[in-house]
Amino acid sequence: MPSRQEVSYFGAGPAPLPTSVVETGAKAFVNFNDCGLGLGEISHRSPTANKILDDAKSNLSALLGIPDNYEVLFMQAGGSGEFSAVVQNLVPVWIERRRRRAEADVKKDNPEAEQAQIDELVFQRLQKEVDEELKLDYLVTGSWSLKASQEASRLLGSKYVNVALDARKANGGKFGKIPAEDSWSLTPTKKEGGKGSAFVYFCDNETVDGVEFQQFPKSLEAQGQDAEDERLVVADMSSNFISRKVDVSKYAVIFGGPSPSPNRDSSPPLIHRLNIGGLPGPVVLDYATIAKNNSLYNTLPIFNLWVAGQVMADLMAEFSAQKVSGQEEVANKKAQLIYGALDKYPEVYQVVPDASVRSRMNICFRVSGGDDAKEKAFIAGAEKRLLQGLKGHRSVGGMRASNYNAVPLENVQKLVKYLEDFASGL
């Protein structure tokens, strides 16, 4: 049987963890800090659990430079749960913005009206605006952003969902490119002569399709308009989290790790009366509730949190003043090595996404144009060298080398050597 050190794992998820964290975690699961209990047993409301939570928040905030006016939330339900949560939490923000504006206008036009009359007039206006103007913008660049847009349609109805970009239309029905921003059909903001959307959603790195945004989209930059009209940007960073420097202040919500929480003031009774899809939704996905309870509204899996916290602590210890920029340099170097080997043998390997959007995290490629026999031979040869997890997602096939933070440079070098040897042997 091979040892852990002998195996090079490139799976996309579950993904590799640093060996030091796994080894320490094995002890912590049995007897954490010699307290006689394992981390899978202690109360999530105990002082020990609270310190683990606070340390994880502190290290994450330091790594990414998260502003003080943001909340870091640790929640369950994974990325798919967040597809629903962002709709549940941000549509009410849009409604509350409109409610405040409507109330100010109604009071100005009806200075003698009683509050009950004002409330009814405001509601009537809100109902009309929801029906005619509510839009959620989605940039669909791969499998996960597509699923997110579909979930929004399922919850609210397709009339409210604006697919501002479907990258398949510019790439023969397949993902692999991100068209120029001037081709996107974002809902115009007030400054642009429109009404503005509730939010703009994109997946920063598409795990299945190997597509990554190379920088924050210019069209989503703040335009200097009133904060009430500013676009709320949501990013799924599940598969490139803590792999590069991010200006958190440009986002309303980042998930896959932290979930900064914008103000959400619209009350459930108003949402119920407006009768919008399945809102307000389950309380365990409510950002305000989770924030008020320090991520402990319901039972938090403390062992999982401790593992994540240890990874963050190790990154802080390793890169110190560089913080996440240090990890970004390593990630870029590893990706360049793999892409360099693939590009060296274009007759053998074909990188799936366009060069302008290649993911540093999930490197998707075909062998000999997708020849079944040769791709099986590639996998078999890789397995013999203990290079594991290279098979592509079942929905797209091919190969996928996931270059996550815990994949050491030496394992990437082993993969590069195999890529060269396999190509030379054909």
Protein backbone atom coordinates (compact mmCIF):
# COMPACT_ATOMS: atom_id res chain seq x y z
CA MET A 1 0.00 0.00 0.00
CA PRO A 2 1.34 3.46 -0.86
CA SER A 3 2.05 6.01 1.83
CA ARG A 4 0.41 9.42 1.84
CA GLN A 5 3.69 10.99 0.74
CA GLU A 6 3.83 8.77 -2.34
CA VAL A 7 0.38 9.72 -3.67
CA SER A 8 -0.12 12.91 -5.68
CA TYR A 9 -3.82 13.78 -5.57
CA PHE A 10 -5.38 16.23 -8.02
CA GLY A 11 -9.08 15.64 -7.28
CA ALA A 12 -11.46 18.59 -7.48
CA GLY A 13 -13.50 17.76 -4.41
CA PRO A 14 -13.21 16.27 -1.94
CA ALA A 15 -9.81 17.82 -2.38
CA PRO A 16 -6.39 17.38 -0.77
CA LEU A 17 -5.57 18.86 2.62
CA PRO A 18 -2.11 19.74 3.93
CA THR A 19 -0.59 16.60 5.46
CA SER A 20 0.30 18.48 8.65
CA VAL A 21 -3.35 19.43 9.15
CA VAL A 22 -4.54 15.88 8.51
CA GLU A 23 -2.05 14.43 10.99
CA THR A 24 -2.85 16.98 13.70
CA GLY A 25 -6.54 16.56 12.96
CA ALA A 26 -6.36 12.82 13.53
CA LYS A 27 -5.17 13.47 17.08
CA ALA A 28 -7.65 16.29 17.62
CA PHE A 29 -10.52 14.04 16.59
CA VAL A 30 -9.60 11.60 19.36
CA ASN A 31 -8.41 13.91 22.14
CA PHE A 32 -8.25 17.64 21.49
CA ASN A 33 -5.56 19.42 23.50
CA ASP A 34 -5.61 16.59 26.07
CA CYS A 35 -9.12 17.53 27.22
CA GLY A 36 -10.33 13.92 26.99
CA LEU A 37 -12.79 14.63 24.18
CA GLY A 38 -12.45 14.80 20.41
CA LEU A 39 -13.50 17.74 18.26
CA GLY A 40 -16.42 15.73 16.91
CA GLU A 41 -17.81 15.51 20.45
CA ILE A 42 -17.46 18.88 22.13
CA SER A 43 -20.35 21.33 22.31
CA HIS A 44 -20.50 23.90 19.55
CA ARG A 45 -21.33 26.48 22.24
CA SER A 46 -18.40 25.63 24.53
CA PRO A 47 -15.53 28.06 25.18
CA THR A 48 -13.25 25.74 23.19
CA ALA A 49 -15.54 25.87 20.17
CA ASN A 50 -15.91 29.63 20.44
CA LYS A 51 -12.14 30.09 20.42
CA ILE A 52 -11.84 27.88 17.32
CA LEU A 53 -14.51 30.02 15.66
CA ASP A 54 -12.88 33.31 16.68
CA ASP A 55 -9.43 32.17 15.53
CA ALA A 56 -10.78 31.09 12.14
CA LYS A 57 -12.53 34.44 11.66
CA SER A 58 -9.43 36.35 12.70
CA ASN A 59 -7.08 34.47 10.36
CA LEU A 60 -9.48 34.67 7.44
CA SER A 61 -10.01 38.40 7.93
CA ALA A 62 -6.25 38.94 8.08
CA LEU A 63 -5.53 36.81 5.00
CA LEU A 64 -8.08 38.55 2.78
CA GLY A 65 -8.07 41.98 4.39
CA ILE A 66 -11.81 41.82 5.08
CA PRO A 67 -13.16 45.28 6.04
CA ASP A 68 -14.57 45.74 9.54
CA ASN A 69 -18.09 46.43 8.24
CA TYR A 70 -18.36 42.90 6.80
CA GLU A 71 -19.52 39.77 8.59
CA VAL A 72 -17.74 36.43 8.27
CA LEU A 73 -20.34 33.68 8.50
CA PHE A 74 -19.77 29.95 8.77
CA MET A 75 -22.82 28.17 7.39
CA GLN A 76 -23.90 24.76 6.22
CA ALA A 77 -25.58 23.55 2.99
CA GLY A 78 -22.51 24.17 0.81
CA GLY A 79 -22.39 26.11 -2.43
CA SER A 80 -25.74 24.77 -3.58
CA GLY A 81 -27.32 26.10 -0.41
CA GLU A 82 -25.84 29.51 -1.16
CA PHE A 83 -27.52 29.51 -4.59
CA SER A 84 -30.74 29.81 -2.60
CA ALA A 85 -29.37 31.92 0.24
CA VAL A 86 -28.23 34.82 -1.95
CA VAL A 87 -31.71 35.08 -3.44
CA GLN A 88 -33.32 34.81 -0.02
CA ASN A 89 -31.12 37.52 1.48
CA LEU A 90 -30.53 40.02 -1.32
CA VAL A 91 -33.98 40.31 -2.87
CA PRO A 92 -35.22 41.73 0.46
CA VAL A 93 -32.38 44.27 0.31
CA TRP A 94 -33.70 45.43 -3.08
CA ILE A 95 -37.24 45.56 -1.67
CA GLU A 96 -36.14 47.54 1.38
CA ARG A 97 -34.34 50.07 -0.81
CA ARG A 98 -37.50 50.49 -2.86
CA ARG A 99 -39.69 50.64 0.25
CA ARG A 100 -37.69 53.51 1.75
CA ARG A 101 -37.76 55.40 -1.52
CA ALA A 102 -41.49 54.82 -1.94
CA GLU A 103 -42.26 55.89 1.62
CA ALA A 104 -40.34 59.14 1.19
CA ASP A 105 -42.21 59.89 -2.05
CA VAL A 106 -45.62 59.01 -0.61
CA LYS A 107 -45.10 61.18 2.47
CA LYS A 108 -44.01 64.08 0.27
CA ASP A 109 -47.07 63.75 -1.96
CA ASN A 110 -49.50 63.08 0.92
CA PRO A 111 -48.34 65.21 3.86
CA GLU A 112 -51.64 64.86 5.74
CA ALA A 113 -52.01 61.09 5.34
CA GLU A 114 -52.06 58.78 8.34
CA GLN A 115 -49.45 56.03 8.64
CA ALA A 116 -51.91 53.29 7.70
CA GLN A 117 -52.72 55.11 4.46
CA ILE A 118 -49.03 55.66 3.76
CA ASP A 119 -48.27 51.99 4.35
CA GLU A 120 -50.98 50.89 1.92
CA LEU A 121 -49.86 53.29 -0.80
CA VAL A 122 -46.26 52.14 -0.32
CA PHE A 123 -47.32 48.52 -0.57
CA GLN A 124 -49.24 49.11 -3.79
CA ARG A 125 -46.26 50.80 -5.35
CA LEU A 126 -43.92 48.03 -4.17
CA GLN A 127 -46.19 45.35 -5.58
CA LYS A 128 -46.11 47.05 -8.97
CA GLU A 129 -42.33 47.52 -8.88
CA VAL A 130 -41.71 43.90 -7.91
CA ASP A 131 -43.95 42.71 -10.73
CA GLU A 132 -42.45 45.01 -13.38
CA GLU A 133 -38.88 45.80 -12.32
CA LEU A 134 -37.38 43.11 -10.07
CA LYS A 135 -34.44 41.46 -11.85
CA LEU A 136 -31.56 39.24 -10.77
CA ASP A 137 -28.57 39.35 -13.14
CA TYR A 138 -26.54 36.17 -13.73
CA LEU A 139 -23.29 35.78 -15.64
CA VAL A 140 -23.39 32.14 -16.76
CA THR A 141 -19.86 31.01 -17.60
CA GLY A 142 -19.97 27.35 -16.55
CA SER A 143 -21.87 24.55 -14.87
CA TRP A 144 -22.09 26.11 -11.41
CA SER A 145 -23.27 29.58 -12.40
CA LEU A 146 -25.82 27.86 -14.64
CA LYS A 147 -27.12 25.87 -11.67
CA ALA A 148 -27.26 29.05 -9.60
CA SER A 149 -29.38 30.82 -12.23
CA GLN A 150 -31.66 27.80 -12.47
CA GLU A 151 -32.16 27.81 -8.71
CA ALA A 152 -33.10 31.50 -8.80
CA SER A 153 -35.67 30.73 -11.51
CA ARG A 154 -37.02 27.84 -9.46
CA LEU A 155 -37.45 30.02 -6.39
CA LEU A 156 -38.81 33.22 -7.93
CA GLY A 157 -39.85 32.38 -11.49
CA SER A 158 -37.89 32.88 -14.68
CA LYS A 159 -39.44 36.32 -15.33
CA TYR A 160 -37.28 37.75 -12.54
CA VAL A 161 -33.98 36.19 -13.73
CA ASN A 162 -31.91 38.00 -16.34
CA VAL A 163 -29.15 35.82 -17.78
CA ALA A 164 -26.98 38.76 -18.73
CA LEU A 165 -24.34 36.44 -20.16
CA ASP A 166 -24.59 32.87 -21.41
CA ALA A 167 -21.02 32.09 -22.49
CA ARG A 168 -22.13 29.06 -24.51
CA LYS A 169 -23.65 31.33 -27.15
CA ALA A 170 -20.19 32.55 -28.11
CA ASN A 171 -18.52 29.14 -28.05
CA GLY A 172 -20.53 26.70 -30.11
CA GLY A 173 -22.88 25.72 -27.32
CA LYS A 174 -20.10 24.88 -24.85
CA PHE A 175 -18.47 26.70 -21.98
CA GLY A 176 -14.86 27.76 -22.38
CA LYS A 177 -14.87 31.48 -23.11
CA ILE A 178 -16.03 34.67 -21.43
CA PRO A 179 -17.25 37.12 -24.11
CA ALA A 180 -16.28 40.78 -23.95
CA GLU A 181 -18.11 42.79 -21.32
CA ASP A 182 -19.72 45.09 -23.87
CA SER A 183 -21.76 42.09 -25.02
CA TRP A 184 -23.28 41.47 -21.59
CA SER A 185 -26.89 42.54 -21.06
CA LEU A 186 -26.78 43.71 -17.46
CA THR A 187 -29.85 45.42 -16.08
CA PRO A 188 -29.09 49.16 -16.35
CA THR A 189 -28.55 51.01 -13.09
CA LYS A 190 -30.36 54.25 -12.28
CA LYS A 191 -27.33 56.20 -13.46
CA GLU A 192 -27.51 54.30 -16.76
CA GLY A 193 -31.17 55.20 -17.19
CA GLY A 194 -32.61 51.98 -15.79
CA LYS A 195 -33.95 50.65 -12.52
CA GLY A 196 -31.09 48.37 -11.40
CA SER A 197 -31.08 44.69 -10.50
CA ALA A 198 -31.24 43.14 -7.04
CA PHE A 199 -27.73 41.77 -7.58
CA VAL A 200 -25.25 40.52 -10.16
CA TYR A 201 -24.04 36.96 -9.66
CA PHE A 202 -20.98 35.25 -11.10
CA CYS A 203 -18.81 32.23 -10.36
CA ASP A 204 -15.22 33.40 -10.09
CA ASN A 205 -13.82 29.96 -10.95
CA GLU A 206 -15.84 27.25 -12.68
CA THR A 207 -14.58 23.96 -11.25
CA VAL A 208 -16.08 21.71 -13.93
CA ASP A 209 -15.23 23.78 -16.99
CA GLY A 210 -11.83 25.21 -16.02
CA VAL A 211 -12.87 28.84 -16.58
CA GLU A 212 -11.72 31.61 -14.24
CA PHE A 213 -12.29 35.36 -14.29
CA GLN A 214 -8.83 36.89 -14.58
CA GLN A 215 -9.87 40.05 -12.74
CA PHE A 216 -12.94 41.77 -11.33
CA PRO A 217 -15.24 42.74 -14.24
CA LYS A 218 -14.91 46.42 -15.05
CA SER A 219 -18.62 46.73 -15.79
CA LEU A 220 -19.39 45.79 -12.17
CA GLU A 221 -17.18 48.47 -10.66
CA ALA A 222 -18.95 51.05 -8.49
CA GLN A 223 -20.10 53.95 -10.65
CA GLY A 224 -20.18 56.59 -7.95
CA GLN A 225 -23.96 56.62 -7.76
CA ASP A 226 -25.91 56.74 -4.54
CA ALA A 227 -25.30 53.67 -2.40
CA GLU A 228 -28.99 52.84 -2.65
CA ASP A 229 -28.57 52.29 -6.41
CA GLU A 230 -25.17 50.60 -6.38
CA ARG A 231 -24.96 47.09 -7.84
CA LEU A 232 -24.65 44.33 -5.27
CA VAL A 233 -22.11 41.83 -6.57
CA VAL A 234 -22.21 38.17 -5.50
CA ALA A 235 -19.29 35.84 -6.23
CA ASP A 236 -19.01 32.09 -5.82
CA MET A 237 -15.33 31.51 -4.97
CA SER A 238 -15.73 27.93 -3.79
CA SER A 239 -12.84 26.58 -5.86
CA ASN A 240 -10.37 29.46 -5.90
CA PHE A 241 -10.86 30.66 -2.35
CA ILE A 242 -7.74 32.10 -0.65
CA SER A 243 -5.71 31.54 -3.82
CA ARG A 244 -5.27 35.18 -4.79
CA LYS A 245 -5.70 38.70 -3.47
CA VAL A 246 -9.28 39.96 -3.58
CA ASP A 247 -10.71 43.43 -2.93
CA VAL A 248 -13.54 42.29 -0.70
CA SER A 249 -15.07 45.77 -0.62
CA LYS A 250 -16.23 45.33 -4.23
CA TYR A 251 -18.57 42.50 -3.27
CA ALA A 252 -21.79 42.30 -1.31
CA VAL A 253 -21.39 38.55 -0.76
CA ILE A 254 -18.52 36.14 -1.33
CA PHE A 255 -19.24 32.52 -0.60
CA GLY A 256 -17.31 29.32 -0.60
CA GLY A 257 -15.72 30.67 2.54
CA PRO A 258 -16.84 33.98 4.07
CA SER A 259 -20.28 35.45 3.52
CA PRO A 260 -20.17 39.21 4.10
CA SER A 261 -23.70 40.25 4.99
CA PRO A 262 -25.34 43.43 3.69
CA ASN A 263 -28.03 45.13 5.73
CA ARG A 264 -31.36 43.35 5.43
CA ASP A 265 -34.29 45.18 6.95
CA SER A 266 -37.43 44.10 5.07
CA SER A 267 -39.61 42.23 7.49
CA PRO A 268 -41.01 38.74 6.77
CA PRO A 269 -44.63 40.01 6.92
CA LEU A 270 -43.96 42.42 4.05
CA ILE A 271 -42.21 39.70 2.02
CA HIS A 272 -45.12 37.34 2.66
CA ARG A 273 -47.64 39.93 1.58
CA LEU A 274 -45.72 40.66 -1.64
CA ASN A 275 -45.86 36.91 -2.32
CA ILE A 276 -42.53 36.52 -4.12
CA GLY A 277 -41.71 32.91 -4.83
CA GLY A 278 -40.54 30.97 -1.77
CA LEU A 279 -39.26 33.98 0.16
CA PRO A 280 -38.28 34.66 2.86
CA GLY A 281 -36.96 31.07 2.97
CA PRO A 282 -35.44 28.90 5.73
CA VAL A 283 -34.04 30.69 8.76
CA VAL A 284 -30.80 28.65 8.69
CA LEU A 285 -29.91 30.41 5.42
CA ASP A 286 -30.74 33.89 6.75
CA TYR A 287 -27.52 35.91 6.92
CA ALA A 288 -28.81 38.34 9.55
CA THR A 289 -29.86 35.51 11.87
CA ILE A 290 -26.56 33.69 11.46
CA ALA A 291 -24.59 36.90 12.02
CA LYS A 292 -26.53 37.82 15.18
CA ASN A 293 -25.79 34.37 16.58
CA ASN A 294 -22.08 34.37 15.70
CA SER A 295 -22.61 31.48 13.24
CA LEU A 296 -23.99 29.36 16.10
CA TYR A 297 -27.73 29.63 15.46
CA ASN A 298 -27.77 25.91 14.72
CA THR A 299 -25.18 23.21 15.37
CA LEU A 300 -21.92 24.09 13.65
CA PRO A 301 -19.59 21.17 12.78
CA ILE A 302 -16.66 22.22 14.94
CA PHE A 303 -14.20 19.65 13.60
CA ASN A 304 -14.77 20.88 10.04
CA LEU A 305 -14.35 24.47 11.21
CA TRP A 306 -11.15 23.58 13.06
CA VAL A 307 -9.68 21.98 9.92
CA ALA A 308 -10.50 25.09 7.86
CA GLY A 309 -9.09 27.27 10.62
CA GLN A 310 -5.85 25.29 10.73
CA VAL A 311 -5.39 25.71 6.99
CA MET A 312 -5.85 29.46 7.37
CA ALA A 313 -3.50 29.59 10.36
CA ASP A 314 -0.82 27.70 8.42
CA LEU A 315 -1.15 30.11 5.49
CA MET A 316 -0.74 33.04 7.87
CA ALA A 317 2.32 31.45 9.45
CA GLU A 318 3.89 30.57 6.10
CA PHE A 319 3.35 33.84 4.27
CA SER A 320 3.17 36.29 7.18
CA ALA A 321 3.25 39.83 5.78
CA GLN A 322 2.52 38.65 2.23
CA LYS A 323 -0.71 37.04 3.40
CA VAL A 324 -2.78 35.68 0.52
CA SER A 325 -0.47 37.23 -2.07
CA GLY A 326 2.17 34.68 -1.07
CA GLN A 327 -0.18 31.81 -1.83
CA GLU A 328 -1.14 33.50 -5.09
CA GLU A 329 2.48 33.40 -6.26
CA VAL A 330 2.69 29.68 -5.52
CA ALA A 331 -0.63 28.94 -7.24
CA ASN A 332 0.42 30.86 -10.34
CA LYS A 333 3.78 29.09 -10.55
CA LYS A 334 2.18 25.64 -10.31
CA ALA A 335 -0.43 26.49 -12.94
CA GLN A 336 2.22 27.84 -15.30
CA LEU A 337 4.20 24.60 -15.02
CA ILE A 338 1.18 22.46 -15.91
CA TYR A 339 -0.04 24.66 -18.76
CA GLY A 340 3.51 24.91 -20.04
CA ALA A 341 3.75 21.13 -20.36
CA LEU A 342 0.35 20.88 -22.01
CA ASP A 343 1.10 23.64 -24.52
CA LYS A 344 4.44 22.05 -25.33
CA TYR A 345 2.66 19.07 -26.91
CA PRO A 346 -0.40 20.48 -28.75
CA GLU A 347 -0.73 17.37 -30.88
CA VAL A 348 -1.24 15.30 -27.73
CA TYR A 349 -2.94 17.67 -25.26
CA GLN A 350 -5.69 20.22 -25.93
CA VAL A 351 -6.56 22.66 -23.14
CA VAL A 352 -10.35 23.02 -23.09
CA PRO A 353 -10.97 26.68 -22.17
CA ASP A 354 -9.69 29.62 -24.16
CA ALA A 355 -6.26 30.88 -23.10
CA SER A 356 -7.80 34.17 -21.93
CA VAL A 357 -9.86 32.48 -19.19
CA ARG A 358 -7.77 29.50 -18.13
CA SER A 359 -8.31 28.57 -14.51
CA ARG A 360 -5.30 28.37 -12.24
CA MET A 361 -7.20 25.96 -10.01
CA ASN A 362 -8.91 23.46 -12.33
CA ILE A 363 -6.88 22.70 -15.42
CA CYS A 364 -9.14 20.94 -17.93
CA PHE A 365 -7.70 19.24 -21.02
CA ARG A 366 -8.26 16.44 -23.50
CA VAL A 367 -5.83 13.78 -24.69
CA SER A 368 -5.56 13.29 -28.46
CA GLY A 369 -8.74 15.22 -29.10
CA GLY A 370 -10.76 13.14 -26.67
CA ASP A 371 -9.82 9.74 -28.09
CA ASP A 372 -11.37 7.30 -25.61
CA ALA A 373 -8.63 4.65 -25.75
CA LYS A 374 -5.83 7.17 -25.34
CA GLU A 375 -7.55 8.98 -22.49
CA LYS A 376 -8.02 5.66 -20.69
CA ALA A 377 -4.34 4.90 -21.29
CA PHE A 378 -3.42 8.31 -19.87
CA ILE A 379 -5.41 7.67 -16.68
CA ALA A 380 -3.97 4.16 -16.34
CA GLY A 381 -0.43 5.42 -16.72
CA ALA A 382 -1.04 8.18 -14.21
CA GLU A 383 -2.44 5.73 -11.67
CA LYS A 384 0.71 3.60 -11.98
CA ARG A 385 2.73 6.64 -10.93
CA LEU A 386 0.25 7.31 -8.09
CA LEU A 387 -1.01 10.47 -9.80
CA GLN A 388 -4.66 10.32 -8.80
CA GLY A 389 -7.87 12.31 -9.29
CA LEU A 390 -7.12 13.40 -12.87
CA LYS A 391 -10.34 12.26 -14.49
CA GLY A 392 -12.57 15.12 -15.62
CA HIS A 393 -16.07 15.76 -14.31
CA ARG A 394 -18.55 13.16 -15.51
CA SER A 395 -20.60 15.84 -17.31
CA VAL A 396 -17.75 16.91 -19.60
CA GLY A 397 -15.22 14.07 -19.58
CA GLY A 398 -11.55 14.50 -20.38
CA MET A 399 -8.94 15.35 -17.77
CA ARG A 400 -8.84 17.80 -14.92
CA ALA A 401 -5.83 18.56 -12.73
CA SER A 402 -6.99 20.54 -9.72
CA ASN A 403 -4.20 22.77 -8.51
CA TYR A 404 -5.54 23.69 -5.09
CA ASN A 405 -3.49 25.30 -2.32
CA ALA A 406 -2.75 21.97 -0.62
CA VAL A 407 -1.24 20.45 -3.77
CA PRO A 408 2.52 20.79 -3.17
CA LEU A 409 4.91 21.98 -5.85
CA GLU A 410 6.69 18.63 -5.93
CA ASN A 411 3.44 16.87 -6.84
CA VAL A 412 2.91 19.29 -9.71
CA GLN A 413 6.44 18.58 -10.87
CA LYS A 414 5.66 14.85 -10.86
CA LEU A 415 2.59 15.50 -12.98
CA VAL A 416 4.58 17.63 -15.42
CA LYS A 417 7.15 14.84 -15.77
CA TYR A 418 4.38 12.37 -16.55
CA LEU A 419 2.81 14.72 -19.11
CA GLU A 420 6.14 14.93 -20.90
CA ASP A 421 6.83 11.20 -20.69
CA PHE A 422 3.35 10.25 -21.93
CA ALA A 423 3.57 12.69 -24.83
CA SER A 424 7.02 11.45 -25.81
CA GLY A 425 5.89 7.84 -25.70
CA LEU A 426 3.03 8.22 -28.17
